[in-house]
Amino acid sequence: MLSRGLSDEINDILGKELRGKLNEALILILLIKNYKASQESKQGGFKGFRGRRDRPVVSEGLTTRDIADALDLPQSTVATAVKRISGRGWVTHSKGMPVKTTEEGRDVAREKLKHHRLLEVMLAESIGMTPDEAHNESVKLMLLASCELIQMIEERYDNPTVCPCGEEIPETDRCSIKISQ
């Protein structure tokens, strides 16, 4: 295991531009996990999600402070990323209000989450990484994986429905490019 933090390692590997895109993806993923939990909570079936089981969900949005704390990022970094993804129509946010995903934002987040979790499957199955190791490495790779690679992984591992951590792999239509045989 490396002694340096994952954030430092990602910064070294990806550089500033890709780090910004990764922050955006991680924020979207956190927001859809919270959104799903809030929907389940309204229906009385919320079981929590990895890393936040002890926190009750009271709304579908999160403040920039909640996001910064959950992702261990500076609040200014979160605010910048939220402004960018808001400009793309993926979230709604105004000062003092929680950040909420739009339907398009939830679609984008599900695609990123699918990439992340399918990469976890590949890393755990093909080279025997532990679920935690596969998770950490897939975070670094999820933005770089093409739709073609994701589809290959899906086909190779018979369309898995859960990642090595036991989390559901979402179905999406956004990344549905077919590979020519």
N, C-alpha and C. Protein backbone atom coordinates (compact mmCIF):
# COMPACT_ATOMS: atom_id res chain seq x y z
N MET A 1 0.83 -1.18 0.00
CA MET A 1 0.00 0.00 0.00
C MET A 1 0.88 1.25 0.00
N LEU A 2 0.47 2.24 -0.71
CA LEU A 2 1.25 3.47 -0.79
C LEU A 2 1.06 4.30 0.47
N SER A 3 2.12 4.99 0.86
CA SER A 3 2.02 5.82 2.05
C SER A 3 1.38 7.17 1.74
N ARG A 4 1.44 7.60 0.49
CA ARG A 4 0.82 8.88 0.12
C ARG A 4 -0.69 8.71 -0.01
N GLY A 5 -1.40 9.79 0.08
CA GLY A 5 -2.85 9.74 -0.03
C GLY A 5 -3.30 9.51 -1.47
N LEU A 6 -4.48 8.95 -1.61
CA LEU A 6 -5.06 8.69 -2.93
C LEU A 6 -5.19 9.98 -3.73
N SER A 7 -5.57 11.05 -3.07
CA SER A 7 -5.74 12.33 -3.76
C SER A 7 -4.42 12.81 -4.37
N ASP A 8 -3.31 12.70 -3.63
CA ASP A 8 -2.00 13.09 -4.15
C ASP A 8 -1.62 12.24 -5.36
N GLU A 9 -1.88 10.95 -5.25
CA GLU A 9 -1.55 10.03 -6.34
C GLU A 9 -2.36 10.35 -7.59
N ILE A 10 -3.64 10.62 -7.41
CA ILE A 10 -4.49 10.96 -8.55
C ILE A 10 -4.02 12.25 -9.19
N ASN A 11 -3.67 13.25 -8.38
CA ASN A 11 -3.17 14.52 -8.92
C ASN A 11 -1.92 14.30 -9.76
N ASP A 12 -1.00 13.46 -9.28
CA ASP A 12 0.22 13.17 -10.02
C ASP A 12 -0.09 12.51 -11.35
N ILE A 13 -1.01 11.58 -11.35
CA ILE A 13 -1.32 10.81 -12.55
C ILE A 13 -2.14 11.63 -13.54
N LEU A 14 -3.16 12.28 -13.07
CA LEU A 14 -4.12 12.90 -13.97
C LEU A 14 -3.82 14.33 -14.36
N GLY A 15 -3.21 15.07 -13.48
CA GLY A 15 -3.02 16.48 -13.76
C GLY A 15 -4.27 17.27 -13.42
N LYS A 16 -4.17 18.58 -13.51
CA LYS A 16 -5.22 19.47 -13.05
C LYS A 16 -6.53 19.33 -13.83
N GLU A 17 -6.46 19.26 -15.15
CA GLU A 17 -7.69 19.22 -15.95
C GLU A 17 -8.50 17.95 -15.68
N LEU A 18 -7.83 16.81 -15.72
CA LEU A 18 -8.55 15.56 -15.46
C LEU A 18 -8.98 15.46 -14.00
N ARG A 19 -8.21 16.05 -13.10
CA ARG A 19 -8.62 16.04 -11.69
C ARG A 19 -9.94 16.78 -11.53
N GLY A 20 -10.10 17.89 -12.25
CA GLY A 20 -11.36 18.63 -12.22
C GLY A 20 -12.53 17.79 -12.72
N LYS A 21 -12.30 17.06 -13.80
CA LYS A 21 -13.34 16.18 -14.35
C LYS A 21 -13.65 15.04 -13.38
N LEU A 22 -12.62 14.54 -12.72
CA LEU A 22 -12.84 13.49 -11.73
C LEU A 22 -13.67 14.03 -10.56
N ASN A 23 -13.35 15.23 -10.09
CA ASN A 23 -14.13 15.84 -9.01
C ASN A 23 -15.60 15.96 -9.43
N GLU A 24 -15.84 16.39 -10.66
CA GLU A 24 -17.21 16.50 -11.16
C GLU A 24 -17.91 15.15 -11.13
N ALA A 25 -17.22 14.12 -11.61
CA ALA A 25 -17.81 12.77 -11.63
C ALA A 25 -18.09 12.27 -10.22
N LEU A 26 -17.15 12.48 -9.31
CA LEU A 26 -17.35 12.02 -7.93
C LEU A 26 -18.50 12.77 -7.25
N ILE A 27 -18.63 14.04 -7.54
CA ILE A 27 -19.74 14.82 -6.98
C ILE A 27 -21.06 14.28 -7.52
N LEU A 28 -21.14 14.05 -8.82
CA LEU A 28 -22.36 13.51 -9.41
C LEU A 28 -22.71 12.15 -8.82
N ILE A 29 -21.70 11.30 -8.66
CA ILE A 29 -21.94 9.97 -8.10
C ILE A 29 -22.45 10.08 -6.65
N LEU A 30 -21.82 10.94 -5.85
CA LEU A 30 -22.28 11.14 -4.48
C LEU A 30 -23.72 11.64 -4.47
N LEU A 31 -24.03 12.58 -5.35
CA LEU A 31 -25.38 13.14 -5.39
C LEU A 31 -26.42 12.11 -5.79
N ILE A 32 -26.10 11.21 -6.76
CA ILE A 32 -27.13 10.22 -7.12
C ILE A 32 -27.28 9.16 -6.04
N LYS A 33 -26.20 8.85 -5.34
CA LYS A 33 -26.33 7.93 -4.21
C LYS A 33 -27.25 8.54 -3.15
N ASN A 34 -27.04 9.82 -2.88
CA ASN A 34 -27.89 10.51 -1.91
C ASN A 34 -29.32 10.61 -2.41
N TYR A 35 -29.49 10.90 -3.70
CA TYR A 35 -30.82 10.99 -4.30
C TYR A 35 -31.57 9.67 -4.16
N LYS A 36 -30.87 8.58 -4.51
CA LYS A 36 -31.49 7.25 -4.39
C LYS A 36 -31.85 6.95 -2.94
N ALA A 37 -30.95 7.27 -2.02
CA ALA A 37 -31.21 7.05 -0.60
C ALA A 37 -32.40 7.87 -0.12
N SER A 38 -32.52 9.11 -0.61
CA SER A 38 -33.64 9.95 -0.20
C SER A 38 -34.96 9.39 -0.72
N GLN A 39 -34.93 8.85 -1.93
CA GLN A 39 -36.15 8.24 -2.50
C GLN A 39 -36.54 7.00 -1.69
N GLU A 40 -35.55 6.19 -1.34
CA GLU A 40 -35.81 5.00 -0.52
C GLU A 40 -36.30 5.39 0.86
N SER A 41 -35.73 6.46 1.41
CA SER A 41 -36.12 6.94 2.73
C SER A 41 -37.59 7.36 2.73
N LYS A 42 -38.00 8.04 1.66
CA LYS A 42 -39.40 8.46 1.55
C LYS A 42 -40.34 7.27 1.51
N GLN A 43 -39.85 6.15 0.95
CA GLN A 43 -40.67 4.94 0.84
C GLN A 43 -40.47 4.02 2.04
N GLY A 44 -39.62 4.42 2.99
CA GLY A 44 -39.40 3.63 4.18
C GLY A 44 -38.43 2.48 4.02
N GLY A 45 -37.70 2.42 2.91
CA GLY A 45 -36.80 1.29 2.69
C GLY A 45 -35.33 1.64 2.66
N PHE A 46 -34.94 2.79 3.17
CA PHE A 46 -33.53 3.20 3.10
C PHE A 46 -32.66 2.32 3.98
N LYS A 47 -31.63 1.75 3.37
CA LYS A 47 -30.68 0.92 4.10
C LYS A 47 -29.32 1.58 4.18
N GLY A 48 -29.19 2.78 3.67
CA GLY A 48 -27.91 3.47 3.67
C GLY A 48 -27.07 3.06 2.48
N PHE A 49 -25.91 3.67 2.35
CA PHE A 49 -24.97 3.26 1.33
C PHE A 49 -23.57 3.38 1.89
N ARG A 50 -22.66 2.70 1.26
CA ARG A 50 -21.30 2.56 1.75
C ARG A 50 -20.71 3.90 2.19
N GLY A 51 -20.25 3.92 3.42
CA GLY A 51 -19.58 5.10 3.93
C GLY A 51 -20.50 6.12 4.59
N ARG A 52 -21.82 5.97 4.45
CA ARG A 52 -22.71 6.98 5.02
C ARG A 52 -23.93 6.35 5.68
N ARG A 53 -23.82 5.13 6.15
CA ARG A 53 -24.95 4.41 6.72
C ARG A 53 -25.51 5.07 7.98
N ASP A 54 -24.68 5.79 8.70
CA ASP A 54 -25.11 6.36 9.97
C ASP A 54 -25.78 7.73 9.81
N ARG A 55 -25.81 8.26 8.63
CA ARG A 55 -26.34 9.61 8.43
C ARG A 55 -27.75 9.56 7.87
N PRO A 56 -28.72 10.08 8.56
CA PRO A 56 -30.08 10.05 8.02
C PRO A 56 -30.21 10.98 6.82
N VAL A 57 -30.98 10.58 5.86
CA VAL A 57 -31.21 11.39 4.67
C VAL A 57 -32.50 12.15 4.87
N VAL A 58 -32.43 13.46 4.74
CA VAL A 58 -33.62 14.26 4.93
C VAL A 58 -34.07 14.94 3.65
N SER A 59 -33.20 15.05 2.66
CA SER A 59 -33.59 15.65 1.39
C SER A 59 -32.74 15.05 0.28
N GLU A 60 -33.16 15.32 -0.95
CA GLU A 60 -32.41 14.75 -2.08
C GLU A 60 -31.17 15.54 -2.44
N GLY A 61 -30.97 16.70 -1.90
CA GLY A 61 -29.80 17.52 -2.21
C GLY A 61 -28.81 17.54 -1.07
N LEU A 62 -27.59 17.96 -1.38
CA LEU A 62 -26.53 18.10 -0.39
C LEU A 62 -25.93 19.49 -0.50
N THR A 63 -25.51 20.03 0.62
CA THR A 63 -24.83 21.32 0.58
C THR A 63 -23.41 21.11 0.06
N THR A 64 -22.79 22.19 -0.38
CA THR A 64 -21.41 22.07 -0.84
C THR A 64 -20.50 21.65 0.32
N ARG A 65 -20.83 22.03 1.54
CA ARG A 65 -20.06 21.62 2.71
C ARG A 65 -20.19 20.11 2.91
N ASP A 66 -21.41 19.56 2.79
CA ASP A 66 -21.61 18.11 2.91
C ASP A 66 -20.79 17.37 1.86
N ILE A 67 -20.81 17.88 0.64
CA ILE A 67 -20.07 17.25 -0.45
C ILE A 67 -18.57 17.31 -0.17
N ALA A 68 -18.10 18.47 0.22
CA ALA A 68 -16.67 18.64 0.52
C ALA A 68 -16.24 17.69 1.63
N ASP A 69 -17.04 17.58 2.68
CA ASP A 69 -16.71 16.70 3.79
C ASP A 69 -16.72 15.23 3.35
N ALA A 70 -17.72 14.84 2.58
CA ALA A 70 -17.84 13.45 2.15
C ALA A 70 -16.70 13.03 1.22
N LEU A 71 -16.24 13.95 0.37
CA LEU A 71 -15.20 13.63 -0.61
C LEU A 71 -13.81 14.07 -0.15
N ASP A 72 -13.73 14.67 1.02
CA ASP A 72 -12.46 15.16 1.56
C ASP A 72 -11.79 16.13 0.59
N LEU A 73 -12.58 17.08 0.13
CA LEU A 73 -12.11 18.11 -0.79
C LEU A 73 -12.32 19.48 -0.18
N PRO A 74 -11.52 20.47 -0.57
CA PRO A 74 -11.79 21.83 -0.12
C PRO A 74 -13.14 22.31 -0.65
N GLN A 75 -13.86 23.09 0.15
CA GLN A 75 -15.17 23.57 -0.27
C GLN A 75 -15.06 24.43 -1.54
N SER A 76 -13.96 25.14 -1.71
CA SER A 76 -13.79 25.96 -2.92
C SER A 76 -13.69 25.08 -4.16
N THR A 77 -13.05 23.93 -4.05
CA THR A 77 -12.94 22.99 -5.16
C THR A 77 -14.32 22.46 -5.53
N VAL A 78 -15.09 22.14 -4.52
CA VAL A 78 -16.46 21.64 -4.75
C VAL A 78 -17.30 22.73 -5.40
N ALA A 79 -17.20 23.95 -4.91
CA ALA A 79 -17.98 25.05 -5.47
C ALA A 79 -17.65 25.28 -6.94
N THR A 80 -16.38 25.19 -7.29
CA THR A 80 -15.97 25.35 -8.69
C THR A 80 -16.53 24.23 -9.56
N ALA A 81 -16.43 23.00 -9.08
CA ALA A 81 -16.95 21.85 -9.84
C ALA A 81 -18.46 21.93 -9.98
N VAL A 82 -19.15 22.31 -8.92
CA VAL A 82 -20.61 22.43 -8.97
C VAL A 82 -21.02 23.50 -9.98
N LYS A 83 -20.28 24.59 -10.02
CA LYS A 83 -20.58 25.65 -10.99
C LYS A 83 -20.45 25.12 -12.42
N ARG A 84 -19.40 24.33 -12.68
CA ARG A 84 -19.21 23.77 -14.03
C ARG A 84 -20.33 22.79 -14.39
N ILE A 85 -20.67 21.88 -13.49
CA ILE A 85 -21.70 20.89 -13.84
C ILE A 85 -23.10 21.51 -13.83
N SER A 86 -23.25 22.60 -13.10
CA SER A 86 -24.52 23.34 -13.17
C SER A 86 -24.67 23.97 -14.55
N GLY A 87 -23.57 24.49 -15.08
CA GLY A 87 -23.59 25.08 -16.42
C GLY A 87 -23.91 24.08 -17.51
N ARG A 88 -23.65 22.81 -17.26
CA ARG A 88 -23.99 21.76 -18.22
C ARG A 88 -25.42 21.25 -18.04
N GLY A 89 -26.10 21.75 -17.01
CA GLY A 89 -27.47 21.33 -16.76
C GLY A 89 -27.58 20.02 -15.99
N TRP A 90 -26.51 19.60 -15.33
CA TRP A 90 -26.52 18.32 -14.62
C TRP A 90 -26.95 18.46 -13.17
N VAL A 91 -26.85 19.67 -12.61
CA VAL A 91 -27.31 19.92 -11.25
C VAL A 91 -27.97 21.30 -11.21
N THR A 92 -28.77 21.49 -10.16
CA THR A 92 -29.29 22.83 -9.87
C THR A 92 -28.70 23.24 -8.54
N HIS A 93 -28.36 24.52 -8.46
CA HIS A 93 -27.77 25.02 -7.22
C HIS A 93 -27.82 26.53 -7.21
N SER A 94 -28.17 27.07 -6.08
CA SER A 94 -28.04 28.50 -5.86
C SER A 94 -27.49 28.69 -4.45
N LYS A 95 -26.85 29.82 -4.23
CA LYS A 95 -26.15 30.06 -2.96
C LYS A 95 -27.09 29.80 -1.77
N GLY A 96 -26.57 29.03 -0.83
CA GLY A 96 -27.32 28.72 0.38
C GLY A 96 -28.30 27.57 0.25
N MET A 97 -28.45 27.04 -0.96
CA MET A 97 -29.38 25.94 -1.20
C MET A 97 -28.60 24.66 -1.50
N PRO A 98 -29.23 23.51 -1.29
CA PRO A 98 -28.54 22.26 -1.59
C PRO A 98 -28.34 22.06 -3.09
N VAL A 99 -27.33 21.29 -3.42
CA VAL A 99 -27.07 20.91 -4.81
C VAL A 99 -27.93 19.69 -5.11
N LYS A 100 -28.69 19.75 -6.20
CA LYS A 100 -29.57 18.65 -6.59
C LYS A 100 -29.29 18.28 -8.04
N THR A 101 -29.34 16.99 -8.34
CA THR A 101 -29.14 16.54 -9.71
C THR A 101 -30.41 16.73 -10.53
N THR A 102 -30.21 16.98 -11.81
CA THR A 102 -31.31 16.97 -12.76
C THR A 102 -31.42 15.55 -13.31
N GLU A 103 -32.44 15.28 -14.08
CA GLU A 103 -32.57 13.95 -14.68
C GLU A 103 -31.36 13.64 -15.57
N GLU A 104 -30.93 14.62 -16.37
CA GLU A 104 -29.75 14.42 -17.21
C GLU A 104 -28.50 14.18 -16.35
N GLY A 105 -28.37 14.90 -15.26
CA GLY A 105 -27.25 14.72 -14.35
C GLY A 105 -27.25 13.33 -13.74
N ARG A 106 -28.42 12.82 -13.40
CA ARG A 106 -28.51 11.46 -12.85
C ARG A 106 -28.11 10.44 -13.91
N ASP A 107 -28.48 10.68 -15.16
CA ASP A 107 -28.08 9.77 -16.26
C ASP A 107 -26.56 9.76 -16.42
N VAL A 108 -25.94 10.93 -16.41
CA VAL A 108 -24.49 11.04 -16.54
C VAL A 108 -23.81 10.35 -15.35
N ALA A 109 -24.33 10.59 -14.16
CA ALA A 109 -23.75 9.98 -12.95
C ALA A 109 -23.86 8.46 -12.99
N ARG A 110 -25.00 7.94 -13.44
CA ARG A 110 -25.14 6.48 -13.54
C ARG A 110 -24.14 5.90 -14.52
N GLU A 111 -23.87 6.62 -15.62
CA GLU A 111 -22.86 6.15 -16.58
C GLU A 111 -21.49 6.10 -15.93
N LYS A 112 -21.11 7.17 -15.22
CA LYS A 112 -19.80 7.20 -14.56
C LYS A 112 -19.70 6.10 -13.51
N LEU A 113 -20.78 5.90 -12.77
CA LEU A 113 -20.80 4.85 -11.75
C LEU A 113 -20.68 3.47 -12.38
N LYS A 114 -21.33 3.30 -13.51
CA LYS A 114 -21.23 2.02 -14.22
C LYS A 114 -19.79 1.77 -14.66
N HIS A 115 -19.14 2.77 -15.23
CA HIS A 115 -17.73 2.64 -15.63
C HIS A 115 -16.89 2.24 -14.42
N HIS A 116 -17.06 2.97 -13.34
CA HIS A 116 -16.28 2.74 -12.11
C HIS A 116 -16.46 1.30 -11.63
N ARG A 117 -17.69 0.85 -11.53
CA ARG A 117 -17.95 -0.47 -10.95
C ARG A 117 -17.57 -1.61 -11.89
N LEU A 118 -17.72 -1.41 -13.19
CA LEU A 118 -17.28 -2.46 -14.12
C LEU A 118 -15.75 -2.56 -14.15
N LEU A 119 -15.07 -1.44 -14.01
CA LEU A 119 -13.61 -1.49 -13.90
C LEU A 119 -13.21 -2.22 -12.62
N GLU A 120 -13.95 -2.03 -11.55
CA GLU A 120 -13.69 -2.78 -10.31
C GLU A 120 -13.80 -4.28 -10.56
N VAL A 121 -14.85 -4.68 -11.29
CA VAL A 121 -15.05 -6.10 -11.60
C VAL A 121 -13.83 -6.63 -12.35
N MET A 122 -13.41 -5.92 -13.38
CA MET A 122 -12.28 -6.37 -14.19
C MET A 122 -11.00 -6.48 -13.34
N LEU A 123 -10.73 -5.48 -12.55
CA LEU A 123 -9.50 -5.48 -11.75
C LEU A 123 -9.51 -6.59 -10.70
N ALA A 124 -10.64 -6.83 -10.10
CA ALA A 124 -10.73 -7.89 -9.08
C ALA A 124 -10.67 -9.27 -9.73
N GLU A 125 -11.40 -9.44 -10.82
CA GLU A 125 -11.48 -10.76 -11.46
C GLU A 125 -10.22 -11.10 -12.25
N SER A 126 -9.66 -10.14 -12.97
CA SER A 126 -8.55 -10.46 -13.86
C SER A 126 -7.20 -10.52 -13.16
N ILE A 127 -6.98 -9.64 -12.18
CA ILE A 127 -5.67 -9.65 -11.53
C ILE A 127 -5.74 -9.87 -10.03
N GLY A 128 -6.91 -10.15 -9.53
CA GLY A 128 -7.06 -10.56 -8.14
C GLY A 128 -6.93 -9.47 -7.10
N MET A 129 -7.22 -8.23 -7.47
CA MET A 129 -7.18 -7.16 -6.48
C MET A 129 -8.30 -7.38 -5.46
N THR A 130 -8.06 -6.90 -4.24
CA THR A 130 -9.12 -6.92 -3.24
C THR A 130 -10.18 -5.90 -3.67
N PRO A 131 -11.39 -6.01 -3.12
CA PRO A 131 -12.41 -5.00 -3.46
C PRO A 131 -11.95 -3.57 -3.20
N ASP A 132 -11.27 -3.32 -2.09
CA ASP A 132 -10.80 -1.96 -1.80
C ASP A 132 -9.73 -1.50 -2.79
N GLU A 133 -8.80 -2.39 -3.13
CA GLU A 133 -7.77 -2.04 -4.12
C GLU A 133 -8.41 -1.76 -5.48
N ALA A 134 -9.35 -2.62 -5.88
CA ALA A 134 -10.03 -2.44 -7.16
C ALA A 134 -10.80 -1.12 -7.17
N HIS A 135 -11.42 -0.80 -6.05
CA HIS A 135 -12.16 0.47 -5.94
C HIS A 135 -11.23 1.66 -6.15
N ASN A 136 -10.11 1.67 -5.42
CA ASN A 136 -9.16 2.79 -5.52
C ASN A 136 -8.59 2.94 -6.92
N GLU A 137 -8.25 1.85 -7.55
CA GLU A 137 -7.68 1.92 -8.91
C GLU A 137 -8.74 2.32 -9.93
N SER A 138 -9.96 1.83 -9.76
CA SER A 138 -11.01 2.15 -10.75
C SER A 138 -11.39 3.62 -10.70
N VAL A 139 -11.25 4.26 -9.54
CA VAL A 139 -11.50 5.70 -9.44
C VAL A 139 -10.54 6.45 -10.37
N LYS A 140 -9.29 5.99 -10.41
CA LYS A 140 -8.28 6.63 -11.25
C LYS A 140 -8.52 6.39 -12.73
N LEU A 141 -9.16 5.28 -13.06
CA LEU A 141 -9.31 4.88 -14.46
C LEU A 141 -10.67 5.22 -15.09
N MET A 142 -11.68 5.50 -14.29
CA MET A 142 -13.04 5.58 -14.82
C MET A 142 -13.23 6.65 -15.89
N LEU A 143 -12.50 7.74 -15.82
CA LEU A 143 -12.65 8.79 -16.83
C LEU A 143 -11.93 8.44 -18.13
N LEU A 144 -11.00 7.53 -18.05
CA LEU A 144 -10.20 7.18 -19.21
C LEU A 144 -10.76 6.00 -20.01
N ALA A 145 -11.69 5.27 -19.40
CA ALA A 145 -12.25 4.09 -20.06
C ALA A 145 -13.27 4.49 -21.12
N SER A 146 -13.09 4.00 -22.32
CA SER A 146 -14.02 4.28 -23.41
C SER A 146 -15.28 3.43 -23.27
N CYS A 147 -16.31 3.82 -23.99
CA CYS A 147 -17.54 3.02 -24.01
C CYS A 147 -17.26 1.63 -24.56
N GLU A 148 -16.35 1.55 -25.52
CA GLU A 148 -16.00 0.25 -26.10
C GLU A 148 -15.39 -0.67 -25.05
N LEU A 149 -14.47 -0.13 -24.24
CA LEU A 149 -13.85 -0.93 -23.18
C LEU A 149 -14.89 -1.36 -22.16
N ILE A 150 -15.75 -0.46 -21.77
CA ILE A 150 -16.79 -0.80 -20.77
C ILE A 150 -17.69 -1.90 -21.30
N GLN A 151 -18.05 -1.81 -22.57
CA GLN A 151 -18.88 -2.87 -23.15
C GLN A 151 -18.14 -4.20 -23.20
N MET A 152 -16.86 -4.17 -23.51
CA MET A 152 -16.05 -5.39 -23.52
C MET A 152 -16.01 -6.04 -22.13
N ILE A 153 -15.84 -5.21 -21.12
CA ILE A 153 -15.81 -5.72 -19.74
C ILE A 153 -17.17 -6.34 -19.40
N GLU A 154 -18.22 -5.65 -19.76
CA GLU A 154 -19.57 -6.17 -19.50
C GLU A 154 -19.77 -7.54 -20.15
N GLU A 155 -19.38 -7.64 -21.40
CA GLU A 155 -19.54 -8.90 -22.13
C GLU A 155 -18.63 -9.98 -21.57
N ARG A 156 -17.39 -9.63 -21.26
CA ARG A 156 -16.40 -10.60 -20.77
C ARG A 156 -16.84 -11.23 -19.45
N TYR A 157 -17.47 -10.43 -18.60
CA TYR A 157 -17.87 -10.91 -17.28
C TYR A 157 -19.38 -11.15 -17.20
N ASP A 158 -20.01 -11.43 -18.34
CA ASP A 158 -21.43 -11.83 -18.41
C ASP A 158 -22.37 -10.83 -17.74
N ASN A 159 -22.20 -9.56 -18.08
CA ASN A 159 -23.10 -8.51 -17.60
C ASN A 159 -23.33 -8.56 -16.09
N PRO A 160 -22.26 -8.36 -15.31
CA PRO A 160 -22.41 -8.43 -13.86
C PRO A 160 -23.38 -7.37 -13.36
N THR A 161 -24.06 -7.67 -12.28
CA THR A 161 -25.03 -6.73 -11.71
C THR A 161 -24.52 -6.07 -10.43
N VAL A 162 -23.42 -6.62 -9.85
CA VAL A 162 -22.82 -6.02 -8.66
C VAL A 162 -21.31 -5.99 -8.82
N CYS A 163 -20.69 -5.03 -8.18
CA CYS A 163 -19.23 -4.92 -8.19
C CYS A 163 -18.66 -5.76 -7.05
N PRO A 164 -17.34 -5.90 -6.95
CA PRO A 164 -16.74 -6.69 -5.87
C PRO A 164 -17.10 -6.21 -4.46
N CYS A 165 -17.45 -4.94 -4.33
CA CYS A 165 -17.85 -4.41 -3.02
C CYS A 165 -19.30 -4.76 -2.68
N GLY A 166 -20.01 -5.34 -3.65
CA GLY A 166 -21.41 -5.71 -3.43
C GLY A 166 -22.40 -4.64 -3.82
N GLU A 167 -21.92 -3.55 -4.42
CA GLU A 167 -22.80 -2.45 -4.84
C GLU A 167 -23.37 -2.75 -6.23
N GLU A 168 -24.58 -2.29 -6.46
CA GLU A 168 -25.27 -2.50 -7.73
C GLU A 168 -24.57 -1.75 -8.87
N ILE A 169 -24.45 -2.41 -10.02
CA ILE A 169 -23.94 -1.76 -11.23
C ILE A 169 -25.17 -1.26 -11.99
N PRO A 170 -25.29 0.06 -12.15
CA PRO A 170 -26.50 0.58 -12.80
C PRO A 170 -26.55 0.25 -14.28
N GLU A 171 -27.76 0.09 -14.78
CA GLU A 171 -27.95 -0.07 -16.22
C GLU A 171 -28.12 1.33 -16.80
N THR A 172 -27.48 1.56 -17.94
CA THR A 172 -27.59 2.87 -18.59
C THR A 172 -27.71 2.68 -20.09
N ASP A 173 -28.23 3.71 -20.74
CA ASP A 173 -28.31 3.72 -22.20
C ASP A 173 -27.31 4.68 -22.80
N ARG A 174 -26.68 5.52 -21.98
CA ARG A 174 -25.79 6.56 -22.50
C ARG A 174 -24.55 6.01 -23.19
N CYS A 175 -23.99 4.95 -22.65
CA CYS A 175 -22.75 4.41 -23.18
C CYS A 175 -23.07 3.10 -23.88
N SER A 176 -23.81 3.17 -24.95
CA SER A 176 -24.31 1.95 -25.57
C SER A 176 -23.73 1.74 -26.98
N ILE A 177 -22.49 2.15 -27.18
CA ILE A 177 -21.83 1.95 -28.47
C ILE A 177 -21.50 0.48 -28.64
N LYS A 178 -21.87 -0.08 -29.75
CA LYS A 178 -21.60 -1.49 -30.03
C LYS A 178 -20.21 -1.64 -30.64
N ILE A 179 -19.52 -2.71 -30.26
CA ILE A 179 -18.21 -3.00 -30.78
C ILE A 179 -18.39 -3.81 -32.06
N SER A 180 -17.71 -3.41 -33.12
CA SER A 180 -17.80 -4.18 -34.36
C SER A 180 -17.01 -5.48 -34.20
N GLN A 181 -17.60 -6.55 -34.61
CA GLN A 181 -16.99 -7.88 -34.46
C GLN A 181 -16.04 -8.17 -35.60
